[in-house]
């Protein structure tokens, strides 16, 4: 191995982004730099990397410049927005960050602007904040406020931290106010701001640092393997015997004792004649087992 044409020694370190590393003369390809992109997803675009039905995907809206060497980074959406939902969507090639931000333990707030049909009164707003039953459990908005209301329609600003599918749409519809439009305006430390619909931009360095800090704060929990359930058989005690063994002492056994087995055994009193237990008696003339030293008489 060589680093910038110098033979590498044990313990040497190299920067694959800034130095040329070769093994047996063949250069090791430089890893792709991590890319973080914010997209203002419009309606009618699916959150996927491809679609077998030929529908437009979010990757069709993000055309990264081709580098001088190799291919542009392959981006993947972090989370999802429904086909008819709009707003902030993060795309990146940072697999570790994607895993952290999409894990169920990531419960940082996401805010939406929601246009609903109707004009919810104060008691409805209170019910959304107190919570309603959804999927058999109490569910609520972290915050909900009215930002605009006119001609029988209302714009709400809603903040949630849960990631259940269609949560916001189902919550507003449950009290009789179906969603007409839904726009995600923030996700954790990221703000959509004035980014136009269908446009994208790179995250700034401060945004990337904040995002990494959020990901580090919500690192994946360690998986603890539970001990398997104890077998249904006897539980071993400190004395080396089981509870069943102890209870057996109190019950008369139907099995003969060892002394009785020895007494009743036909070989107990018989002479061994120098034979071991593995020896067999010789066969008689008619093929049966006989007793040594004796000959069966005629029938």
Foldseek 3Di string as FASTA:
>chain_A
DDKQNHDDDPPDDDDLVPIWDDDPRHTDDRDDDKFKKKAWAAAQEFQFLDDPVPGHHLVVLDDDDADPDDGDDDKHWQATDHNGATEIIMIMNPVLLSCLCNDQLQQAKWKKWWKWFADDDPVLLVDQAVFDADPRDTDHWVHKDWDDDDDRMTIIITMGRGDDPCVVQCSCVVVPIGTPYMYTQDDHPDGRPPADHSDMDTDDPVVVVSSVVSSVVRDPDDDDDDDDDDDPDFDADPVRDGPVVVVVVVDDDPDDDPVVCLVPDPCNPPDPVPDDPPDAADAAPVGHGDDPPDHDDDD
